[in-house]
Amino acid sequence: MTQIPCIRKIALKLKIRKLIEHQGDQYIIKTCSIFRNYTVSFQVGQEFEEFSEGLDNRHMKSVVRWEGNKLVCEQKGEKKNRGWCHWIEEDKLHLELYCEGEICKQVFKKVND
């Protein structure tokens, strides 16, 4: 049987909130949890400098674009093939994060405040 490190067990129990605001092509995506918060602000189609402070603390150049119904981000920096993709399917927000061939999938359900 494979042991799951304690930090991963804790991560599995976290309730992460995604707050997405937009006006036209200007987006602000906030990811909030009990341990840390992260905010990214961007204009669709325009490259921007991003610093993943509190996550993996990397500097990169990012560009977000629409690919069909998916919001796709390509991040260029010291890690190859890195980025993420958001889309809505059946009233749920899906997120895939990818980096150097590894993929993390998350699904969020809408909550009413």
Protein backbone atom coordinates (compact mmCIF):
# COMPACT_ATOMS: atom_id res chain seq x y z
CA MET A 1 0.00 0.00 0.00
CA THR A 2 1.30 3.44 -0.94
CA GLN A 3 1.59 5.96 1.89
CA ILE A 4 0.26 9.46 1.24
CA PRO A 5 2.42 12.16 2.85
CA CYS A 6 0.64 14.20 5.54
CA ILE A 7 0.71 17.43 3.51
CA ARG A 8 -1.14 15.70 0.65
CA LYS A 9 -3.75 14.36 3.07
CA ILE A 10 -4.32 17.90 4.32
CA ALA A 11 -4.48 19.26 0.76
CA LEU A 12 -7.20 16.75 -0.12
CA LYS A 13 -9.39 18.20 2.65
CA LEU A 14 -8.93 21.86 1.65
CA LYS A 15 -11.87 23.84 0.40
CA ILE A 16 -10.54 26.07 -2.34
CA ARG A 17 -12.59 28.99 -3.65
CA LYS A 18 -12.26 30.50 -7.11
CA LEU A 19 -13.55 34.01 -7.66
CA ILE A 20 -13.62 35.14 -11.28
CA GLU A 21 -14.38 38.73 -12.25
CA HIS A 22 -14.33 40.18 -15.73
CA GLN A 23 -15.21 43.24 -17.74
CA GLY A 24 -14.90 42.53 -21.43
CA ASP A 25 -11.52 40.85 -21.96
CA GLN A 26 -10.05 42.00 -18.61
CA TYR A 27 -10.09 39.16 -16.04
CA ILE A 28 -9.20 38.81 -12.37
CA ILE A 29 -9.03 35.25 -11.01
CA LYS A 30 -8.64 34.81 -7.26
CA THR A 31 -7.82 31.44 -5.73
CA CYS A 32 -8.44 31.37 -1.98
CA SER A 33 -7.78 28.75 0.69
CA ILE A 34 -7.05 28.68 4.40
CA PHE A 35 -3.29 28.47 3.68
CA ARG A 36 -2.78 31.02 0.91
CA ASN A 37 -4.44 33.23 -1.63
CA TYR A 38 -3.33 33.95 -5.18
CA THR A 39 -4.64 36.57 -7.61
CA VAL A 40 -3.88 36.89 -11.29
CA SER A 41 -5.11 39.77 -13.44
CA PHE A 42 -4.84 39.79 -17.23
CA GLN A 43 -6.19 41.01 -20.55
CA VAL A 44 -7.08 38.15 -22.91
CA GLY A 45 -4.57 37.96 -25.77
CA GLN A 46 -1.93 40.22 -24.17
CA GLU A 47 1.32 38.86 -22.72
CA PHE A 48 1.97 39.89 -19.10
CA GLU A 49 4.58 39.39 -16.38
CA GLU A 50 3.40 36.96 -13.70
CA PHE A 51 4.93 36.13 -10.33
CA SER A 52 3.43 33.07 -8.64
CA GLU A 53 4.02 34.47 -5.16
CA GLY A 54 3.10 32.05 -2.41
CA LEU A 55 2.75 29.13 -4.81
CA ASP A 56 6.10 28.21 -6.33
CA ASN A 57 7.49 31.79 -6.42
CA ARG A 58 8.40 31.80 -10.10
CA HIS A 59 8.61 34.68 -12.55
CA MET A 60 7.19 34.01 -15.99
CA LYS A 61 5.64 35.60 -19.03
CA SER A 62 2.06 34.50 -19.52
CA VAL A 63 -0.58 34.92 -22.19
CA VAL A 64 -4.22 33.86 -21.88
CA ARG A 65 -6.42 33.25 -24.91
CA TRP A 66 -9.74 31.66 -25.78
CA GLU A 67 -9.63 28.26 -27.49
CA GLY A 68 -13.27 27.51 -28.23
CA ASN A 69 -15.02 27.59 -24.86
CA LYS A 70 -11.78 27.18 -22.87
CA LEU A 71 -9.68 29.94 -21.31
CA VAL A 72 -6.10 28.74 -21.85
CA CYS A 73 -2.93 30.20 -20.29
CA GLU A 74 0.58 29.53 -21.57
CA GLN A 75 3.34 30.38 -19.08
CA LYS A 76 6.94 30.79 -20.26
CA GLY A 77 9.77 30.65 -17.75
CA GLU A 78 12.20 28.16 -16.25
CA LYS A 79 9.66 25.31 -16.45
CA LYS A 80 8.66 23.92 -19.85
CA ASN A 81 5.14 23.20 -21.11
CA ARG A 82 3.52 25.05 -18.21
CA GLY A 83 0.07 26.62 -17.98
CA TRP A 84 -3.57 26.06 -17.19
CA CYS A 85 -7.00 25.77 -18.79
CA HIS A 86 -10.42 26.77 -17.35
CA TRP A 87 -13.81 25.85 -18.77
CA ILE A 88 -17.40 25.39 -17.63
CA GLU A 89 -19.18 22.10 -18.18
CA GLU A 90 -22.52 21.06 -16.67
CA ASP A 91 -22.56 23.97 -14.21
CA LYS A 92 -19.06 23.16 -12.90
CA LEU A 93 -15.79 25.03 -13.37
CA HIS A 94 -13.01 22.74 -14.54
CA LEU A 95 -9.31 23.56 -14.20
CA GLU A 96 -6.34 21.68 -15.59
CA LEU A 97 -2.87 22.78 -14.52
CA TYR A 98 0.04 21.36 -16.44
CA CYS A 99 3.82 21.51 -16.19
CA GLU A 100 6.52 19.41 -17.84
CA GLY A 101 4.14 16.58 -18.73
CA GLU A 102 2.32 16.42 -15.38
CA ILE A 103 -1.38 17.36 -15.15
CA CYS A 104 -3.46 18.33 -12.13
CA LYS A 105 -7.25 18.36 -12.58
CA GLN A 106 -9.65 20.24 -10.31
CA VAL A 107 -13.42 20.67 -10.47
CA PHE A 108 -15.29 23.46 -8.67
CA LYS A 109 -19.01 23.74 -8.03
CA LYS A 110 -20.82 27.04 -7.77
CA VAL A 111 -21.84 28.11 -4.29
CA ASN A 112 -24.27 30.85 -3.40
CA ASP A 113 -23.01 33.31 -0.81
